[in-house]
Amino acid sequence: MKEQFWVVGGEFSDLDFHQIIEGTGKTFGPFENYESAEKVWRDCSLANRFEACARFSIVTSAIPAQRRQAA
């Protein structure tokens, strides 16, 4: 299985970014490479730039090193 990238985020209840507001969470992906995910992340971030409590991140479904070496 190849490494995949996702863009996740939404609007949070405060600037500590610990609790996402129900119904605002968004997930995009999977993407085959970081560059594709980064483009979506930039678009999401730009679209929400006036929302102080909105945050999006790129995450990866990394394969553990032991499984990568065995493959």
PDB file of N, CA and C in Angstrom:
ATOM      1  N   MET A   1       0.843  -1.182   0.000  1.00  0.00           N
ATOM      2  CA  MET A   1       0.000   0.000   0.000  1.00  0.00           C
ATOM      3  C   MET A   1       0.889   1.247   0.000  1.00  0.00           C
ATOM      4  N   LYS A   2       0.597   2.152  -0.890  1.00  0.00           N
ATOM      5  CA  LYS A   2       1.378   3.385  -0.992  1.00  0.00           C
ATOM      6  C   LYS A   2       0.946   4.385   0.073  1.00  0.00           C
ATOM      7  N   GLU A   3       1.860   5.272   0.384  1.00  0.00           N
ATOM      8  CA  GLU A   3       1.556   6.357   1.303  1.00  0.00           C
ATOM      9  C   GLU A   3       0.506   7.257   0.666  1.00  0.00           C
ATOM     10  N   GLN A   4      -0.481   7.673   1.458  1.00  0.00           N
ATOM     11  CA  GLN A   4      -1.535   8.549   0.979  1.00  0.00           C
ATOM     12  C   GLN A   4      -1.580   9.804   1.835  1.00  0.00           C
ATOM     13  N   PHE A   5      -2.072  10.884   1.244  1.00  0.00           N
ATOM     14  CA  PHE A   5      -2.161  12.165   1.936  1.00  0.00           C
ATOM     15  C   PHE A   5      -3.614  12.622   1.958  1.00  0.00           C
ATOM     16  N   TRP A   6      -3.998  13.268   3.044  1.00  0.00           N
ATOM     17  CA  TRP A   6      -5.354  13.760   3.246  1.00  0.00           C
ATOM     18  C   TRP A   6      -5.285  15.205   3.735  1.00  0.00           C
ATOM     19  N   VAL A   7      -6.309  15.984   3.406  1.00  0.00           N
ATOM     20  CA  VAL A   7      -6.471  17.323   3.965  1.00  0.00           C
ATOM     21  C   VAL A   7      -7.684  17.249   4.889  1.00  0.00           C
ATOM     22  N   VAL A   8      -7.487  17.624   6.140  1.00  0.00           N
ATOM     23  CA  VAL A   8      -8.565  17.566   7.129  1.00  0.00           C
ATOM     24  C   VAL A   8      -8.643  18.894   7.867  1.00  0.00           C
ATOM     25  N   GLY A   9      -9.835  19.234   8.318  1.00  0.00           N
ATOM     26  CA  GLY A   9      -9.974  20.460   9.088  1.00  0.00           C
ATOM     27  C   GLY A   9     -11.410  20.903   9.189  1.00  0.00           C
ATOM     28  N   GLY A  10     -11.578  22.163   9.521  1.00  0.00           N
ATOM     29  CA  GLY A  10     -12.896  22.743   9.690  1.00  0.00           C
ATOM     30  C   GLY A  10     -12.824  23.931  10.620  1.00  0.00           C
ATOM     31  N   GLU A  11     -13.969  24.264  11.214  1.00  0.00           N
ATOM     32  CA  GLU A  11     -14.033  25.398  12.132  1.00  0.00           C
ATOM     33  C   GLU A  11     -14.015  24.886  13.570  1.00  0.00           C
ATOM     34  N   PHE A  12     -13.151  25.466  14.375  1.00  0.00           N
ATOM     35  CA  PHE A  12     -12.988  25.041  15.761  1.00  0.00           C
ATOM     36  C   PHE A  12     -13.719  25.994  16.698  1.00  0.00           C
ATOM     37  N   SER A  13     -14.006  25.503  17.910  1.00  0.00           N
ATOM     38  CA  SER A  13     -14.786  26.293  18.867  1.00  0.00           C
ATOM     39  C   SER A  13     -14.010  27.471  19.444  1.00  0.00           C
ATOM     40  N   ASP A  14     -12.674  27.391  19.436  1.00  0.00           N
ATOM     41  CA  ASP A  14     -11.862  28.503  19.919  1.00  0.00           C
ATOM     42  C   ASP A  14     -10.466  28.416  19.309  1.00  0.00           C
ATOM     43  N   LEU A  15      -9.620  29.355  19.661  1.00  0.00           N
ATOM     44  CA  LEU A  15      -8.291  29.427  19.054  1.00  0.00           C
ATOM     45  C   LEU A  15      -7.286  28.442  19.636  1.00  0.00           C
ATOM     46  N   ASP A  16      -7.723  27.590  20.558  1.00  0.00           N
ATOM     47  CA  ASP A  16      -6.860  26.502  21.032  1.00  0.00           C
ATOM     48  C   ASP A  16      -6.876  25.333  20.048  1.00  0.00           C
ATOM     49  N   PHE A  17      -7.864  25.296  19.161  1.00  0.00           N
ATOM     50  CA  PHE A  17      -7.993  24.282  18.107  1.00  0.00           C
ATOM     51  C   PHE A  17      -8.039  22.857  18.656  1.00  0.00           C
ATOM     52  N   HIS A  18      -8.790  22.668  19.764  1.00  0.00           N
ATOM     53  CA  HIS A  18      -8.927  21.325  20.331  1.00  0.00           C
ATOM     54  C   HIS A  18     -10.267  20.684  19.980  1.00  0.00           C
ATOM     55  N   GLN A  19     -11.319  21.483  19.806  1.00  0.00           N
ATOM     56  CA  GLN A  19     -12.662  20.952  19.580  1.00  0.00           C
ATOM     57  C   GLN A  19     -13.240  21.544  18.300  1.00  0.00           C
ATOM     58  N   ILE A  20     -13.479  20.658  17.319  1.00  0.00           N
ATOM     59  CA  ILE A  20     -14.065  21.124  16.064  1.00  0.00           C
ATOM     60  C   ILE A  20     -15.577  21.269  16.247  1.00  0.00           C
ATOM     61  N   ILE A  21     -16.156  22.279  15.639  1.00  0.00           N
ATOM     62  CA  ILE A  21     -17.597  22.499  15.728  1.00  0.00           C
ATOM     63  C   ILE A  21     -18.300  21.439  14.882  1.00  0.00           C
ATOM     64  N   GLU A  22     -19.257  20.772  15.495  1.00  0.00           N
ATOM     65  CA  GLU A  22     -19.982  19.695  14.820  1.00  0.00           C
ATOM     66  C   GLU A  22     -20.587  20.192  13.506  1.00  0.00           C
ATOM     67  N   GLY A  23     -20.403  19.403  12.477  1.00  0.00           N
ATOM     68  CA  GLY A  23     -20.941  19.733  11.166  1.00  0.00           C
ATOM     69  C   GLY A  23     -20.016  20.550  10.280  1.00  0.00           C
ATOM     70  N   THR A  24     -18.881  21.001  10.821  1.00  0.00           N
ATOM     71  CA  THR A  24     -17.964  21.810  10.011  1.00  0.00           C
ATOM     72  C   THR A  24     -16.742  21.029   9.543  1.00  0.00           C
ATOM     73  N   GLY A  25     -16.565  19.818  10.034  1.00  0.00           N
ATOM     74  CA  GLY A  25     -15.392  19.023   9.668  1.00  0.00           C
ATOM     75  C   GLY A  25     -15.412  18.635   8.198  1.00  0.00           C
ATOM     76  N   LYS A  26     -14.247  18.716   7.577  1.00  0.00           N
ATOM     77  CA  LYS A  26     -14.116  18.363   6.161  1.00  0.00           C
ATOM     78  C   LYS A  26     -12.882  17.494   5.969  1.00  0.00           C
ATOM     79  N   THR A  27     -13.001  16.539   5.059  1.00  0.00           N
ATOM     80  CA  THR A  27     -11.889  15.658   4.713  1.00  0.00           C
ATOM     81  C   THR A  27     -11.805  15.580   3.195  1.00  0.00           C
ATOM     82  N   PHE A  28     -10.609  15.753   2.664  1.00  0.00           N
ATOM     83  CA  PHE A  28     -10.373  15.668   1.226  1.00  0.00           C
ATOM     84  C   PHE A  28      -9.266  14.654   0.984  1.00  0.00           C
ATOM     85  N   GLY A  29      -9.435  13.808  -0.006  1.00  0.00           N
ATOM     86  CA  GLY A  29      -8.406  12.822  -0.313  1.00  0.00           C
ATOM     87  C   GLY A  29      -9.023  11.455  -0.482  1.00  0.00           C
ATOM     88  N   PRO A  30      -8.199  10.466  -0.655  1.00  0.00           N
ATOM     89  CA  PRO A  30      -6.742  10.487  -0.531  1.00  0.00           C
ATOM     90  C   PRO A  30      -6.056  11.037  -1.786  1.00  0.00           C
ATOM     91  N   PHE A  31      -4.866  11.573  -1.569  1.00  0.00           N
ATOM     92  CA  PHE A  31      -4.017  12.056  -2.647  1.00  0.00           C
ATOM     93  C   PHE A  31      -2.774  11.185  -2.710  1.00  0.00           C
ATOM     94  N   GLU A  32      -2.271  10.958  -3.899  1.00  0.00           N
ATOM     95  CA  GLU A  32      -1.105  10.089  -4.078  1.00  0.00           C
ATOM     96  C   GLU A  32       0.208  10.770  -3.740  1.00  0.00           C
ATOM     97  N   ASN A  33       0.206  12.116  -3.718  1.00  0.00           N
ATOM     98  CA  ASN A  33       1.455  12.814  -3.398  1.00  0.00           C
ATOM     99  C   ASN A  33       1.152  14.078  -2.598  1.00  0.00           C
ATOM    100  N   TYR A  34       2.184  14.553  -1.926  1.00  0.00           N
ATOM    101  CA  TYR A  34       2.050  15.717  -1.051  1.00  0.00           C
ATOM    102  C   TYR A  34       1.649  16.964  -1.836  1.00  0.00           C
ATOM    103  N   GLU A  35       2.173  17.117  -3.018  1.00  0.00           N
ATOM    104  CA  GLU A  35       1.907  18.314  -3.815  1.00  0.00           C
ATOM    105  C   GLU A  35       0.422  18.453  -4.140  1.00  0.00           C
ATOM    106  N   SER A  36      -0.243  17.351  -4.454  1.00  0.00           N
ATOM    107  CA  SER A  36      -1.682  17.394  -4.742  1.00  0.00           C
ATOM    108  C   SER A  36      -2.473  17.785  -3.501  1.00  0.00           C
ATOM    109  N   ALA A  37      -2.090  17.223  -2.365  1.00  0.00           N
ATOM    110  CA  ALA A  37      -2.754  17.565  -1.103  1.00  0.00           C
ATOM    111  C   ALA A  37      -2.502  19.026  -0.745  1.00  0.00           C
ATOM    112  N   GLU A  38      -1.293  19.493  -0.999  1.00  0.00           N
ATOM    113  CA  GLU A  38      -0.950  20.876  -0.669  1.00  0.00           C
ATOM    114  C   GLU A  38      -1.795  21.863  -1.473  1.00  0.00           C
ATOM    115  N   LYS A  39      -2.088  21.540  -2.720  1.00  0.00           N
ATOM    116  CA  LYS A  39      -2.924  22.426  -3.534  1.00  0.00           C
ATOM    117  C   LYS A  39      -4.317  22.558  -2.920  1.00  0.00           C
ATOM    118  N   VAL A  40      -4.904  21.440  -2.510  1.00  0.00           N
ATOM    119  CA  VAL A  40      -6.226  21.479  -1.881  1.00  0.00           C
ATOM    120  C   VAL A  40      -6.151  22.215  -0.543  1.00  0.00           C
ATOM    121  N   TRP A  41      -5.086  21.964   0.229  1.00  0.00           N
ATOM    122  CA  TRP A  41      -4.903  22.657   1.507  1.00  0.00           C
ATOM    123  C   TRP A  41      -4.850  24.174   1.282  1.00  0.00           C
ATOM    124  N   ARG A  42      -4.106  24.611   0.269  1.00  0.00           N
ATOM    125  CA  ARG A  42      -4.017  26.052  -0.023  1.00  0.00           C
ATOM    126  C   ARG A  42      -5.386  26.621  -0.388  1.00  0.00           C
ATOM    127  N   ASP A  43      -6.134  25.884  -1.212  1.00  0.00           N
ATOM    128  CA  ASP A  43      -7.470  26.341  -1.606  1.00  0.00           C
ATOM    129  C   ASP A  43      -8.393  26.458  -0.392  1.00  0.00           C
ATOM    130  N   CYS A  44      -8.377  25.451   0.488  1.00  0.00           N
ATOM    131  CA  CYS A  44      -9.207  25.475   1.700  1.00  0.00           C
ATOM    132  C   CYS A  44      -8.791  26.616   2.620  1.00  0.00           C
ATOM    133  N   SER A  45      -7.506  26.773   2.798  1.00  0.00           N
ATOM    134  CA  SER A  45      -7.003  27.827   3.679  1.00  0.00           C
ATOM    135  C   SER A  45      -7.354  29.208   3.138  1.00  0.00           C
ATOM    136  N   LEU A  46      -7.227  29.385   1.843  1.00  0.00           N
ATOM    137  CA  LEU A  46      -7.559  30.665   1.225  1.00  0.00           C
ATOM    138  C   LEU A  46      -9.055  30.954   1.335  1.00  0.00           C
ATOM    139  N   ALA A  47      -9.879  29.945   1.106  1.00  0.00           N
ATOM    140  CA  ALA A  47     -11.330  30.128   1.170  1.00  0.00           C
ATOM    141  C   ALA A  47     -11.804  30.472   2.583  1.00  0.00           C
ATOM    142  N   ASN A  48     -11.038  30.082   3.595  1.00  0.00           N
ATOM    143  CA  ASN A  48     -11.422  30.313   4.990  1.00  0.00           C
ATOM    144  C   ASN A  48     -10.527  31.327   5.687  1.00  0.00           C
ATOM    145  N   ARG A  49      -9.819  32.140   4.936  1.00  0.00           N
ATOM    146  CA  ARG A  49      -8.814  33.036   5.518  1.00  0.00           C
ATOM    147  C   ARG A  49      -9.392  34.068   6.479  1.00  0.00           C
ATOM    148  N   PHE A  50     -10.680  34.367   6.378  1.00  0.00           N
ATOM    149  CA  PHE A  50     -11.273  35.358   7.276  1.00  0.00           C
ATOM    150  C   PHE A  50     -11.910  34.718   8.507  1.00  0.00           C
ATOM    151  N   GLU A  51     -11.824  33.410   8.618  1.00  0.00           N
ATOM    152  CA  GLU A  51     -12.357  32.676   9.773  1.00  0.00           C
ATOM    153  C   GLU A  51     -11.197  32.338  10.704  1.00  0.00           C
ATOM    154  N   ALA A  52     -11.061  33.082  11.787  1.00  0.00           N
ATOM    155  CA  ALA A  52      -9.922  32.890  12.693  1.00  0.00           C
ATOM    156  C   ALA A  52      -9.884  31.494  13.299  1.00  0.00           C
ATOM    157  N   CYS A  53     -11.024  30.867  13.458  1.00  0.00           N
ATOM    158  CA  CYS A  53     -11.077  29.548  14.099  1.00  0.00           C
ATOM    159  C   CYS A  53     -11.064  28.395  13.099  1.00  0.00           C
ATOM    160  N   ALA A  54     -10.843  28.675  11.826  1.00  0.00           N
ATOM    161  CA  ALA A  54     -10.767  27.612  10.819  1.00  0.00           C
ATOM    162  C   ALA A  54      -9.316  27.195  10.646  1.00  0.00           C
ATOM    163  N   ARG A  55      -9.121  25.891  10.540  1.00  0.00           N
ATOM    164  CA  ARG A  55      -7.760  25.378  10.352  1.00  0.00           C
ATOM    165  C   ARG A  55      -7.836  24.090   9.533  1.00  0.00           C
ATOM    166  N   PHE A  56      -6.896  23.941   8.622  1.00  0.00           N
ATOM    167  CA  PHE A  56      -6.775  22.733   7.814  1.00  0.00           C
ATOM    168  C   PHE A  56      -5.340  22.242   7.879  1.00  0.00           C
ATOM    169  N   SER A  57      -5.172  20.934   7.826  1.00  0.00           N
ATOM    170  CA  SER A  57      -3.846  20.318   7.911  1.00  0.00           C
ATOM    171  C   SER A  57      -3.733  19.201   6.888  1.00  0.00           C
ATOM    172  N   ILE A  58      -2.503  18.880   6.533  1.00  0.00           N
ATOM    173  CA  ILE A  58      -2.222  17.728   5.678  1.00  0.00           C
ATOM    174  C   ILE A  58      -1.729  16.608   6.581  1.00  0.00           C
ATOM    175  N   VAL A  59      -2.371  15.458   6.469  1.00  0.00           N
ATOM    176  CA  VAL A  59      -1.958  14.287   7.240  1.00  0.00           C
ATOM    177  C   VAL A  59      -1.644  13.157   6.269  1.00  0.00           C
ATOM    178  N   THR A  60      -0.881  12.186   6.749  1.00  0.00           N
ATOM    179  CA  THR A  60      -0.498  11.066   5.900  1.00  0.00           C
ATOM    180  C   THR A  60      -0.832   9.750   6.571  1.00  0.00           C
ATOM    181  N   SER A  61      -1.167   8.786   5.762  1.00  0.00           N
ATOM    182  CA  SER A  61      -1.373   7.427   6.264  1.00  0.00           C
ATOM    183  C   SER A  61      -0.066   6.682   6.044  1.00  0.00           C
ATOM    184  N   ALA A  62       0.925   7.031   6.839  1.00  0.00           N
ATOM    185  CA  ALA A  62       2.271   6.475   6.685  1.00  0.00           C
ATOM    186  C   ALA A  62       2.279   4.986   6.986  1.00  0.00           C
ATOM    187  N   ILE A  63       3.090   4.282   6.258  1.00  0.00           N
ATOM    188  CA  ILE A  63       3.264   2.850   6.453  1.00  0.00           C
ATOM    189  C   ILE A  63       4.394   2.654   7.462  1.00  0.00           C
ATOM    190  N   PRO A  64       4.169   1.844   8.521  1.00  0.00           N
ATOM    191  CA  PRO A  64       5.246   1.605   9.485  1.00  0.00           C
ATOM    192  C   PRO A  64       6.510   1.088   8.805  1.00  0.00           C
ATOM    193  N   ALA A  65       7.662   1.473   9.325  1.00  0.00           N
ATOM    194  CA  ALA A  65       8.954   1.121   8.720  1.00  0.00           C
ATOM    195  C   ALA A  65       9.114  -0.382   8.535  1.00  0.00           C
ATOM    196  N   GLN A  66       8.665  -1.187   9.493  1.00  0.00           N
ATOM    197  CA  GLN A  66       8.812  -2.637   9.375  1.00  0.00           C
ATOM    198  C   GLN A  66       8.048  -3.170   8.166  1.00  0.00           C
ATOM    199  N   ARG A  67       6.850  -2.665   7.948  1.00  0.00           N
ATOM    200  CA  ARG A  67       6.058  -3.130   6.806  1.00  0.00           C
ATOM    201  C   ARG A  67       6.655  -2.648   5.497  1.00  0.00           C
ATOM    202  N   ARG A  68       7.223  -1.442   5.479  1.00  0.00           N
ATOM    203  CA  ARG A  68       7.841  -0.926   4.253  1.00  0.00           C
ATOM    204  C   ARG A  68       9.029  -1.781   3.852  1.00  0.00           C
ATOM    205  N   GLN A  69       9.835  -2.172   4.814  1.00  0.00           N
ATOM    206  CA  GLN A  69      11.024  -2.965   4.523  1.00  0.00           C
ATOM    207  C   GLN A  69      10.655  -4.369   4.064  1.00  0.00           C
ATOM    208  N   ALA A  70       9.544  -4.906   4.565  1.00  0.00           N
ATOM    209  CA  ALA A  70       9.124  -6.255   4.200  1.00  0.00           C
ATOM    210  C   ALA A  70       8.500  -6.293   2.808  1.00  0.00           C
ATOM    211  N   ALA A  71       7.977  -5.169   2.358  1.00  0.00           N
ATOM    212  CA  ALA A  71       7.274  -5.130   1.061  1.00  0.00           C
ATOM    213  C   ALA A  71       8.225  -5.198  -0.106  1.00  0.00           C
TER     214      ALA A  71
END
